Amino acid sequence: MAQVIEIPITKLYVGKFNVRSDAGDITELTRSIEQEGVLQPILVRRVKDRFEIVVGSRRFSAAKAAGLKSIPSVIREMDDGEAIVASLSENIQRGDLQPEEEAKAIEKLVGIYRSNREVARVLGISESTIRMKLSVLELVPKLRSKMRIKYAPSPKEREKEGALPFEHATMIAEAFRTEEIKRLPKEEREEKQVSIARAIAPLPQYEARRVVDRFKMFPEKSIEVIKEEALRTETGVAIRVYFIPKVARLLSKAAEDRGMSMEELVPIAVEEWLKQVGYSGSMD
């Protein structure tokens, strides 16, 4: 069992490898610590003559606010990658992180381990999940001042405050990687990125998907028109297709490599084939 020791508050600090960018509202936690103390020790690593907090930055902030002079801690030797993994895993289990915080932590891990595959192995998730989580970073610079990307925003947050569900954000990121949308002028792309985020934020996932799919089909149209058309009519034709196992395996591998589902990849593959055999002109 790990030894718990009391470390003076003045010897502790929150370093750059802690995945939480903001302690958030610590009012209740501070009140609890004032009454009962810190019940669960924080996890730290030694850095020269001080200790960097790996897990427990909110407890640390609340303990300072409560006027504590020291805080129970467990010291563990770990490198930068191990520190991020420990901080990320703990906060994911607690449900404390928002998509941008998680994506930035994963981005740091990719820089340390040099590949999505290795990061996926360390975190115990798929490469496609890694790519999906990183995709939110593409949207953050454009959306930060307009709206927030959250894992589970309430209906009120989505409707009144413009909070964008994570799943909706990944749809938009995927759409803006398509060649059709890349052809739009830069200013128009940036404007439509914000417009479509606002348009689909209040919608359930299946309706948001319909709007984004129609946007990929007709990126030159206004988002208002696209939303109206998408929610009024279907955006395509559903076809049941059987693939022999060999082809299905290849499609599955291609979809995983691109961070997509097979259902998303098949229409793209068909479109590319149609272009190669000379039908691209009839698709405009």
C-alpha atoms as a PDB file:
ATOM      1  CA  MET A   1       0.000   0.000   0.000  1.00  0.00           C
ATOM      2  CA  ALA A   2       1.354   3.433  -0.963  1.00  0.00           C
ATOM      3  CA  GLN A   3       2.582   5.555   1.945  1.00  0.00           C
ATOM      4  CA  VAL A   4       0.608   8.736   2.596  1.00  0.00           C
ATOM      5  CA  ILE A   5       2.562  11.729   3.914  1.00  0.00           C
ATOM      6  CA  GLU A   6       1.610  15.312   4.729  1.00  0.00           C
ATOM      7  CA  ILE A   7       3.272  17.761   2.310  1.00  0.00           C
ATOM      8  CA  PRO A   8       3.255  21.518   3.019  1.00  0.00           C
ATOM      9  CA  ILE A   9       1.025  23.486   0.664  1.00  0.00           C
ATOM     10  CA  THR A  10       3.992  25.745  -0.145  1.00  0.00           C
ATOM     11  CA  LYS A  11       5.911  22.759  -1.551  1.00  0.00           C
ATOM     12  CA  LEU A  12       3.135  21.809  -3.990  1.00  0.00           C
ATOM     13  CA  TYR A  13       2.285  23.188  -7.429  1.00  0.00           C
ATOM     14  CA  VAL A  14       0.095  22.299 -10.421  1.00  0.00           C
ATOM     15  CA  GLY A  15       2.391  21.654 -13.380  1.00  0.00           C
ATOM     16  CA  LYS A  16       1.886  21.757 -17.130  1.00  0.00           C
ATOM     17  CA  PHE A  17       1.201  18.030 -17.318  1.00  0.00           C
ATOM     18  CA  ASN A  18      -1.925  18.189 -15.189  1.00  0.00           C
ATOM     19  CA  VAL A  19      -4.807  17.784 -17.625  1.00  0.00           C
ATOM     20  CA  ARG A  20      -7.235  20.091 -15.832  1.00  0.00           C
ATOM     21  CA  SER A  21      -6.972  23.660 -17.113  1.00  0.00           C
ATOM     22  CA  ASP A  22      -9.437  25.025 -14.548  1.00  0.00           C
ATOM     23  CA  ALA A  23     -10.345  23.868 -11.048  1.00  0.00           C
ATOM     24  CA  GLY A  24     -13.917  25.015 -11.646  1.00  0.00           C
ATOM     25  CA  ASP A  25     -16.323  25.747  -8.808  1.00  0.00           C
ATOM     26  CA  ILE A  26     -14.699  24.454  -5.605  1.00  0.00           C
ATOM     27  CA  THR A  27     -17.141  26.046  -3.133  1.00  0.00           C
ATOM     28  CA  GLU A  28     -18.686  22.778  -1.920  1.00  0.00           C
ATOM     29  CA  LEU A  29     -15.346  20.956  -1.918  1.00  0.00           C
ATOM     30  CA  THR A  30     -13.783  23.761   0.144  1.00  0.00           C
ATOM     31  CA  ARG A  31     -16.666  23.588   2.630  1.00  0.00           C
ATOM     32  CA  SER A  32     -16.244  19.811   2.904  1.00  0.00           C
ATOM     33  CA  ILE A  33     -12.489  20.124   3.515  1.00  0.00           C
ATOM     34  CA  GLU A  34     -13.073  22.793   6.174  1.00  0.00           C
ATOM     35  CA  GLN A  35     -15.364  20.362   8.008  1.00  0.00           C
ATOM     36  CA  GLU A  36     -13.658  17.009   7.442  1.00  0.00           C
ATOM     37  CA  GLY A  37     -10.227  17.668   5.963  1.00  0.00           C
ATOM     38  CA  VAL A  38      -8.862  16.080   2.772  1.00  0.00           C
ATOM     39  CA  LEU A  39     -10.245  12.530   2.820  1.00  0.00           C
ATOM     40  CA  GLN A  40      -8.447  11.244  -0.280  1.00  0.00           C
ATOM     41  CA  PRO A  41      -4.721  11.966  -0.740  1.00  0.00           C
ATOM     42  CA  ILE A  42      -3.480  13.634  -3.891  1.00  0.00           C
ATOM     43  CA  LEU A  43      -0.901  12.019  -6.198  1.00  0.00           C
ATOM     44  CA  VAL A  44       2.352  13.899  -6.731  1.00  0.00           C
ATOM     45  CA  ARG A  45       5.819  13.424  -8.193  1.00  0.00           C
ATOM     46  CA  ARG A  46       9.027  14.956  -6.900  1.00  0.00           C
ATOM     47  CA  VAL A  47      10.567  17.710  -9.049  1.00  0.00           C
ATOM     48  CA  LYS A  48      13.802  18.950  -7.466  1.00  0.00           C
ATOM     49  CA  ASP A  49      12.851  20.282  -4.010  1.00  0.00           C
ATOM     50  CA  ARG A  50       9.108  20.601  -4.741  1.00  0.00           C
ATOM     51  CA  PHE A  51       6.218  18.320  -5.679  1.00  0.00           C
ATOM     52  CA  GLU A  52       4.180  18.502  -8.862  1.00  0.00           C
ATOM     53  CA  ILE A  53       0.508  17.549  -8.517  1.00  0.00           C
ATOM     54  CA  VAL A  54      -0.435  14.784 -10.954  1.00  0.00           C
ATOM     55  CA  VAL A  55      -3.916  13.980  -9.634  1.00  0.00           C
ATOM     56  CA  GLY A  56      -5.864  16.180  -7.214  1.00  0.00           C
ATOM     57  CA  SER A  57      -5.555  19.774  -8.418  1.00  0.00           C
ATOM     58  CA  ARG A  58      -9.129  20.580  -7.263  1.00  0.00           C
ATOM     59  CA  ARG A  59      -8.447  19.169  -3.789  1.00  0.00           C
ATOM     60  CA  PHE A  60      -5.260  21.234  -3.698  1.00  0.00           C
ATOM     61  CA  SER A  61      -7.077  24.450  -4.665  1.00  0.00           C
ATOM     62  CA  ALA A  62      -9.859  23.773  -2.147  1.00  0.00           C
ATOM     63  CA  ALA A  63      -7.354  22.941   0.608  1.00  0.00           C
ATOM     64  CA  LYS A  64      -5.612  26.287   0.024  1.00  0.00           C
ATOM     65  CA  ALA A  65      -8.969  28.079   0.066  1.00  0.00           C
ATOM     66  CA  ALA A  66      -9.826  26.301   3.339  1.00  0.00           C
ATOM     67  CA  GLY A  67      -6.599  27.556   4.907  1.00  0.00           C
ATOM     68  CA  LEU A  68      -4.849  24.168   5.285  1.00  0.00           C
ATOM     69  CA  LYS A  69      -1.079  24.256   5.762  1.00  0.00           C
ATOM     70  CA  SER A  70      -0.458  20.763   4.381  1.00  0.00           C
ATOM     71  CA  ILE A  71      -2.263  18.092   2.407  1.00  0.00           C
ATOM     72  CA  PRO A  72      -2.050  14.252   2.476  1.00  0.00           C
ATOM     73  CA  SER A  73      -0.145  13.047  -0.567  1.00  0.00           C
ATOM     74  CA  VAL A  74       1.220   9.935  -2.238  1.00  0.00           C
ATOM     75  CA  ILE A  75       4.601  10.377  -3.952  1.00  0.00           C
ATOM     76  CA  ARG A  76       5.206   8.338  -7.102  1.00  0.00           C
ATOM     77  CA  GLU A  77       8.162   8.419  -9.465  1.00  0.00           C
ATOM     78  CA  MET A  78       6.969   8.842 -13.050  1.00  0.00           C
ATOM     79  CA  ASP A  79       8.043  10.410 -16.319  1.00  0.00           C
ATOM     80  CA  ASP A  80       6.070  13.058 -18.225  1.00  0.00           C
ATOM     81  CA  GLY A  81       4.072  10.524 -20.251  1.00  0.00           C
ATOM     82  CA  GLU A  82       3.158   8.491 -17.176  1.00  0.00           C
ATOM     83  CA  ALA A  83       2.124  11.683 -15.363  1.00  0.00           C
ATOM     84  CA  ILE A  84      -0.261  12.685 -18.161  1.00  0.00           C
ATOM     85  CA  VAL A  85      -1.705   9.165 -18.398  1.00  0.00           C
ATOM     86  CA  ALA A  86      -2.324   9.052 -14.641  1.00  0.00           C
ATOM     87  CA  SER A  87      -3.941  12.508 -14.622  1.00  0.00           C
ATOM     88  CA  LEU A  88      -6.004  11.789 -17.719  1.00  0.00           C
ATOM     89  CA  SER A  89      -7.217   8.374 -16.565  1.00  0.00           C
ATOM     90  CA  GLU A  90      -8.246   9.644 -13.119  1.00  0.00           C
ATOM     91  CA  ASN A  91     -10.163  12.624 -14.454  1.00  0.00           C
ATOM     92  CA  ILE A  92     -11.892  10.595 -17.189  1.00  0.00           C
ATOM     93  CA  GLN A  93     -13.093   8.109 -14.548  1.00  0.00           C
ATOM     94  CA  ARG A  94     -14.436  10.987 -12.463  1.00  0.00           C
ATOM     95  CA  GLY A  95     -16.110  12.558 -15.499  1.00  0.00           C
ATOM     96  CA  ASP A  96     -14.366  15.827 -14.691  1.00  0.00           C
ATOM     97  CA  LEU A  97     -12.866  16.689 -18.072  1.00  0.00           C
ATOM     98  CA  GLN A  98     -14.303  18.547 -21.020  1.00  0.00           C
ATOM     99  CA  PRO A  99     -13.353  17.591 -24.602  1.00  0.00           C
ATOM    100  CA  GLU A 100     -10.798  20.371 -25.093  1.00  0.00           C
ATOM    101  CA  GLU A 101      -8.912  19.463 -21.905  1.00  0.00           C
ATOM    102  CA  GLU A 102      -8.900  15.780 -22.834  1.00  0.00           C
ATOM    103  CA  ALA A 103      -7.810  16.452 -26.426  1.00  0.00           C
ATOM    104  CA  LYS A 104      -4.948  18.715 -25.324  1.00  0.00           C
ATOM    105  CA  ALA A 105      -3.716  16.018 -22.928  1.00  0.00           C
ATOM    106  CA  ILE A 106      -3.854  13.415 -25.691  1.00  0.00           C
ATOM    107  CA  GLU A 107      -2.022  15.812 -28.017  1.00  0.00           C
ATOM    108  CA  LYS A 108       0.776  16.091 -25.437  1.00  0.00           C
ATOM    109  CA  LEU A 109       0.926  12.296 -25.227  1.00  0.00           C
ATOM    110  CA  VAL A 110       1.216  12.023 -29.014  1.00  0.00           C
ATOM    111  CA  GLY A 111       4.155  14.436 -28.808  1.00  0.00           C
ATOM    112  CA  ILE A 112       5.812  12.250 -26.160  1.00  0.00           C
ATOM    113  CA  TYR A 113       5.067   8.804 -27.625  1.00  0.00           C
ATOM    114  CA  ARG A 114       5.305   9.911 -31.274  1.00  0.00           C
ATOM    115  CA  SER A 115       2.315   7.968 -32.550  1.00  0.00           C
ATOM    116  CA  ASN A 116      -1.447   7.681 -32.148  1.00  0.00           C
ATOM    117  CA  ARG A 117      -1.073   3.918 -31.975  1.00  0.00           C
ATOM    118  CA  GLU A 118       1.201   4.018 -28.934  1.00  0.00           C
ATOM    119  CA  VAL A 119      -1.033   6.541 -27.172  1.00  0.00           C
ATOM    120  CA  ALA A 120      -4.046   4.333 -27.898  1.00  0.00           C
ATOM    121  CA  ARG A 121      -2.187   1.348 -26.400  1.00  0.00           C
ATOM    122  CA  VAL A 122      -1.187   3.273 -23.270  1.00  0.00           C
ATOM    123  CA  LEU A 123      -4.721   4.597 -22.688  1.00  0.00           C
ATOM    124  CA  GLY A 124      -6.407   1.336 -23.655  1.00  0.00           C
ATOM    125  CA  ILE A 125      -8.608   2.860 -26.375  1.00  0.00           C
ATOM    126  CA  SER A 126      -8.690   2.584 -30.181  1.00  0.00           C
ATOM    127  CA  GLU A 127      -6.720   4.725 -32.612  1.00  0.00           C
ATOM    128  CA  SER A 128      -9.979   5.900 -34.168  1.00  0.00           C
ATOM    129  CA  THR A 129     -11.103   7.160 -30.743  1.00  0.00           C
ATOM    130  CA  ILE A 130      -7.817   9.038 -30.393  1.00  0.00           C
ATOM    131  CA  ARG A 131      -8.350  10.691 -33.780  1.00  0.00           C
ATOM    132  CA  MET A 132     -11.952  11.531 -32.920  1.00  0.00           C
ATOM    133  CA  LYS A 133     -10.971  13.175 -29.632  1.00  0.00           C
ATOM    134  CA  LEU A 134      -8.168  15.147 -31.292  1.00  0.00           C
ATOM    135  CA  SER A 135     -10.550  16.371 -33.978  1.00  0.00           C
ATOM    136  CA  VAL A 136     -12.186  18.784 -31.516  1.00  0.00           C
ATOM    137  CA  LEU A 137      -8.967  20.816 -31.389  1.00  0.00           C
ATOM    138  CA  GLU A 138      -9.531  21.757 -35.027  1.00  0.00           C
ATOM    139  CA  LEU A 139     -12.712  23.567 -34.007  1.00  0.00           C
ATOM    140  CA  VAL A 140     -11.611  25.163 -30.745  1.00  0.00           C
ATOM    141  CA  PRO A 141      -9.834  28.257 -32.157  1.00  0.00           C
ATOM    142  CA  LYS A 142     -12.895  29.233 -34.210  1.00  0.00           C
ATOM    143  CA  LEU A 143     -15.548  28.402 -31.624  1.00  0.00           C
ATOM    144  CA  ARG A 144     -13.968  29.350 -28.283  1.00  0.00           C
ATOM    145  CA  SER A 145     -15.335  32.898 -28.243  1.00  0.00           C
ATOM    146  CA  LYS A 146     -18.744  31.802 -29.602  1.00  0.00           C
ATOM    147  CA  MET A 147     -19.595  28.574 -27.795  1.00  0.00           C
ATOM    148  CA  ARG A 148     -18.230  25.679 -25.735  1.00  0.00           C
ATOM    149  CA  ILE A 149     -17.774  22.027 -26.701  1.00  0.00           C
ATOM    150  CA  LYS A 150     -19.013  19.761 -23.889  1.00  0.00           C
ATOM    151  CA  TYR A 151     -19.535  16.036 -23.397  1.00  0.00           C
ATOM    152  CA  ALA A 152     -23.026  16.226 -21.967  1.00  0.00           C
ATOM    153  CA  PRO A 153     -24.474  19.740 -22.082  1.00  0.00           C
ATOM    154  CA  SER A 154     -27.986  20.114 -20.731  1.00  0.00           C
ATOM    155  CA  PRO A 155     -30.833  21.097 -23.085  1.00  0.00           C
ATOM    156  CA  LYS A 156     -30.728  24.591 -21.560  1.00  0.00           C
ATOM    157  CA  GLU A 157     -26.975  24.903 -22.195  1.00  0.00           C
ATOM    158  CA  ARG A 158     -27.455  23.795 -25.785  1.00  0.00           C
ATOM    159  CA  GLU A 159     -30.432  26.020 -26.514  1.00  0.00           C
ATOM    160  CA  LYS A 160     -29.637  29.163 -24.522  1.00  0.00           C
ATOM    161  CA  GLU A 161     -25.864  29.119 -24.104  1.00  0.00           C
ATOM    162  CA  GLY A 162     -24.811  27.543 -27.387  1.00  0.00           C
ATOM    163  CA  ALA A 163     -23.012  24.557 -25.858  1.00  0.00           C
ATOM    164  CA  LEU A 164     -22.058  22.083 -28.597  1.00  0.00           C
ATOM    165  CA  PRO A 165     -22.176  18.342 -27.760  1.00  0.00           C
ATOM    166  CA  PHE A 166     -18.913  16.508 -28.406  1.00  0.00           C
ATOM    167  CA  GLU A 167     -20.526  14.126 -30.908  1.00  0.00           C
ATOM    168  CA  HIS A 168     -21.810  17.105 -32.908  1.00  0.00           C
ATOM    169  CA  ALA A 169     -18.327  18.655 -32.869  1.00  0.00           C
ATOM    170  CA  THR A 170     -16.773  15.513 -34.338  1.00  0.00           C
ATOM    171  CA  MET A 171     -19.344  15.574 -37.158  1.00  0.00           C
ATOM    172  CA  ILE A 172     -18.354  19.134 -38.021  1.00  0.00           C
ATOM    173  CA  ALA A 173     -14.633  18.367 -37.849  1.00  0.00           C
ATOM    174  CA  GLU A 174     -15.147  15.418 -40.190  1.00  0.00           C
ATOM    175  CA  ALA A 175     -17.168  17.553 -42.615  1.00  0.00           C
ATOM    176  CA  PHE A 176     -14.507  20.257 -42.832  1.00  0.00           C
ATOM    177  CA  ARG A 177     -11.942  17.668 -43.907  1.00  0.00           C
ATOM    178  CA  THR A 178     -13.893  16.833 -47.080  1.00  0.00           C
ATOM    179  CA  GLU A 179     -12.618  18.141 -50.409  1.00  0.00           C
ATOM    180  CA  GLU A 180     -15.912  19.863 -51.284  1.00  0.00           C
ATOM    181  CA  ILE A 181     -15.829  22.046 -48.172  1.00  0.00           C
ATOM    182  CA  LYS A 182     -12.094  22.667 -48.439  1.00  0.00           C
ATOM    183  CA  ARG A 183     -12.788  24.339 -51.791  1.00  0.00           C
ATOM    184  CA  LEU A 184     -14.772  27.111 -50.100  1.00  0.00           C
ATOM    185  CA  PRO A 185     -12.890  30.396 -49.586  1.00  0.00           C
ATOM    186  CA  LYS A 186     -11.141  30.501 -46.190  1.00  0.00           C
ATOM    187  CA  GLU A 187     -13.332  33.269 -44.746  1.00  0.00           C
ATOM    188  CA  GLU A 188     -16.508  31.491 -45.848  1.00  0.00           C
ATOM    189  CA  ARG A 189     -15.303  28.212 -44.320  1.00  0.00           C
ATOM    190  CA  GLU A 190     -14.619  29.874 -40.976  1.00  0.00           C
ATOM    191  CA  GLU A 191     -17.979  31.642 -40.993  1.00  0.00           C
ATOM    192  CA  LYS A 192     -19.865  28.453 -41.851  1.00  0.00           C
ATOM    193  CA  GLN A 193     -18.003  26.489 -39.204  1.00  0.00           C
ATOM    194  CA  VAL A 194     -19.484  28.713 -36.528  1.00  0.00           C
ATOM    195  CA  SER A 195     -22.886  28.904 -38.236  1.00  0.00           C
ATOM    196  CA  ILE A 196     -23.340  25.158 -38.535  1.00  0.00           C
ATOM    197  CA  ALA A 197     -22.180  24.638 -34.942  1.00  0.00           C
ATOM    198  CA  ARG A 198     -24.846  27.047 -33.738  1.00  0.00           C
ATOM    199  CA  ALA A 199     -27.449  25.486 -36.019  1.00  0.00           C
ATOM    200  CA  ILE A 200     -26.996  21.897 -34.823  1.00  0.00           C
ATOM    201  CA  ALA A 201     -26.160  22.523 -31.137  1.00  0.00           C
ATOM    202  CA  PRO A 202     -29.799  22.167 -29.946  1.00  0.00           C
ATOM    203  CA  LEU A 203     -30.590  19.210 -32.243  1.00  0.00           C
ATOM    204  CA  PRO A 204     -30.603  15.516 -31.316  1.00  0.00           C
ATOM    205  CA  GLN A 205     -27.723  13.577 -32.817  1.00  0.00           C
ATOM    206  CA  TYR A 206     -29.647  11.995 -35.708  1.00  0.00           C
ATOM    207  CA  GLU A 207     -30.989  15.368 -36.855  1.00  0.00           C
ATOM    208  CA  ALA A 208     -27.588  17.010 -36.469  1.00  0.00           C
ATOM    209  CA  ARG A 209     -26.147  14.252 -38.666  1.00  0.00           C
ATOM    210  CA  ARG A 210     -28.717  14.966 -41.365  1.00  0.00           C
ATOM    211  CA  VAL A 211     -27.852  18.669 -41.374  1.00  0.00           C
ATOM    212  CA  VAL A 212     -24.101  18.013 -41.524  1.00  0.00           C
ATOM    213  CA  ASP A 213     -24.517  15.402 -44.268  1.00  0.00           C
ATOM    214  CA  ARG A 214     -26.516  17.835 -46.369  1.00  0.00           C
ATOM    215  CA  PHE A 215     -23.908  20.534 -45.748  1.00  0.00           C
ATOM    216  CA  LYS A 216     -21.271  18.168 -47.152  1.00  0.00           C
ATOM    217  CA  MET A 217     -23.448  17.721 -50.230  1.00  0.00           C
ATOM    218  CA  PHE A 218     -24.207  21.426 -50.761  1.00  0.00           C
ATOM    219  CA  PRO A 219     -21.515  23.478 -48.962  1.00  0.00           C
ATOM    220  CA  GLU A 220     -22.202  26.499 -51.166  1.00  0.00           C
ATOM    221  CA  LYS A 221     -25.695  26.945 -49.685  1.00  0.00           C
ATOM    222  CA  SER A 222     -26.430  28.988 -46.577  1.00  0.00           C
ATOM    223  CA  ILE A 223     -26.596  27.044 -43.323  1.00  0.00           C
ATOM    224  CA  GLU A 224     -30.171  28.236 -42.742  1.00  0.00           C
ATOM    225  CA  VAL A 225     -31.294  26.746 -46.063  1.00  0.00           C
ATOM    226  CA  ILE A 226     -29.329  23.550 -45.485  1.00  0.00           C
ATOM    227  CA  LYS A 227     -30.898  23.038 -42.060  1.00  0.00           C
ATOM    228  CA  GLU A 228     -34.397  23.620 -43.403  1.00  0.00           C
ATOM    229  CA  GLU A 229     -33.876  21.209 -46.301  1.00  0.00           C
ATOM    230  CA  ALA A 230     -32.179  18.560 -44.183  1.00  0.00           C
ATOM    231  CA  LEU A 231     -34.901  18.430 -41.583  1.00  0.00           C
ATOM    232  CA  ARG A 232     -37.650  18.471 -44.203  1.00  0.00           C
ATOM    233  CA  THR A 233     -36.346  15.700 -46.450  1.00  0.00           C
ATOM    234  CA  GLU A 234     -33.866  12.872 -46.422  1.00  0.00           C
ATOM    235  CA  THR A 235     -30.404  13.782 -47.718  1.00  0.00           C
ATOM    236  CA  GLY A 236     -29.796  10.629 -49.709  1.00  0.00           C
ATOM    237  CA  VAL A 237     -31.016   7.138 -50.509  1.00  0.00           C
ATOM    238  CA  ALA A 238     -30.562   4.271 -48.072  1.00  0.00           C
ATOM    239  CA  ILE A 239     -29.386   1.062 -49.767  1.00  0.00           C
ATOM    240  CA  ARG A 240     -28.724  -2.297 -48.135  1.00  0.00           C
ATOM    241  CA  VAL A 241     -25.540  -3.808 -49.567  1.00  0.00           C
ATOM    242  CA  TYR A 242     -23.837  -7.143 -48.840  1.00  0.00           C
ATOM    243  CA  PHE A 243     -20.024  -7.271 -49.032  1.00  0.00           C
ATOM    244  CA  ILE A 244     -18.086 -10.501 -49.211  1.00  0.00           C
ATOM    245  CA  PRO A 245     -15.896 -10.996 -46.090  1.00  0.00           C
ATOM    246  CA  LYS A 246     -12.646  -9.997 -47.837  1.00  0.00           C
ATOM    247  CA  VAL A 247     -14.085  -6.668 -49.007  1.00  0.00           C
ATOM    248  CA  ALA A 248     -15.777  -6.075 -45.652  1.00  0.00           C
ATOM    249  CA  ARG A 249     -12.451  -6.561 -43.850  1.00  0.00           C
ATOM    250  CA  LEU A 250     -10.704  -4.113 -46.191  1.00  0.00           C
ATOM    251  CA  LEU A 251     -13.474  -1.547 -45.700  1.00  0.00           C
ATOM    252  CA  SER A 252     -13.290  -1.997 -41.946  1.00  0.00           C
ATOM    253  CA  LYS A 253      -9.511  -1.444 -41.987  1.00  0.00           C
ATOM    254  CA  ALA A 254      -9.831   1.620 -44.254  1.00  0.00           C
ATOM    255  CA  ALA A 255     -12.562   3.086 -42.045  1.00  0.00           C
ATOM    256  CA  GLU A 256     -10.500   2.575 -38.883  1.00  0.00           C
ATOM    257  CA  ASP A 257      -7.426   4.162 -40.490  1.00  0.00           C
ATOM    258  CA  ARG A 258      -9.485   7.245 -41.377  1.00  0.00           C
ATOM    259  CA  GLY A 259     -11.259   7.441 -38.024  1.00  0.00           C
ATOM    260  CA  MET A 260     -14.663   6.774 -39.587  1.00  0.00           C
ATOM    261  CA  SER A 261     -17.388   4.164 -39.474  1.00  0.00           C
ATOM    262  CA  MET A 262     -17.942   1.841 -42.437  1.00  0.00           C
ATOM    263  CA  GLU A 263     -21.302   3.519 -43.019  1.00  0.00           C
ATOM    264  CA  GLU A 264     -19.528   6.864 -43.407  1.00  0.00           C
ATOM    265  CA  LEU A 265     -16.753   5.481 -45.602  1.00  0.00           C
ATOM    266  CA  VAL A 266     -18.798   3.513 -48.143  1.00  0.00           C
ATOM    267  CA  PRO A 267     -20.497   6.557 -49.775  1.00  0.00           C
ATOM    268  CA  ILE A 268     -17.100   8.253 -50.067  1.00  0.00           C
ATOM    269  CA  ALA A 269     -15.566   5.145 -51.644  1.00  0.00           C
ATOM    270  CA  VAL A 270     -18.452   4.880 -54.114  1.00  0.00           C
ATOM    271  CA  GLU A 271     -18.128   8.559 -55.007  1.00  0.00           C
ATOM    272  CA  GLU A 272     -14.379   8.197 -55.619  1.00  0.00           C
ATOM    273  CA  TRP A 273     -14.984   5.175 -57.841  1.00  0.00           C
ATOM    274  CA  LEU A 274     -17.634   7.064 -59.827  1.00  0.00           C
ATOM    275  CA  LYS A 275     -15.153   9.860 -60.402  1.00  0.00           C
ATOM    276  CA  GLN A 276     -12.476   7.420 -61.580  1.00  0.00           C
ATOM    277  CA  VAL A 277     -14.789   5.825 -64.136  1.00  0.00           C
ATOM    278  CA  GLY A 278     -15.896   9.171 -65.524  1.00  0.00           C
ATOM    279  CA  TYR A 279     -19.177   9.984 -63.779  1.00  0.00           C
ATOM    280  CA  SER A 280     -17.902  12.967 -61.776  1.00  0.00           C
ATOM    281  CA  GLY A 281     -19.525  15.485 -64.141  1.00  0.00           C
ATOM    282  CA  SER A 282     -23.020  14.162 -63.493  1.00  0.00           C
ATOM    283  CA  MET A 283     -22.573  14.568 -59.714  1.00  0.00           C
ATOM    284  CA  ASP A 284     -22.353  18.381 -59.725  1.00  0.00           C
END
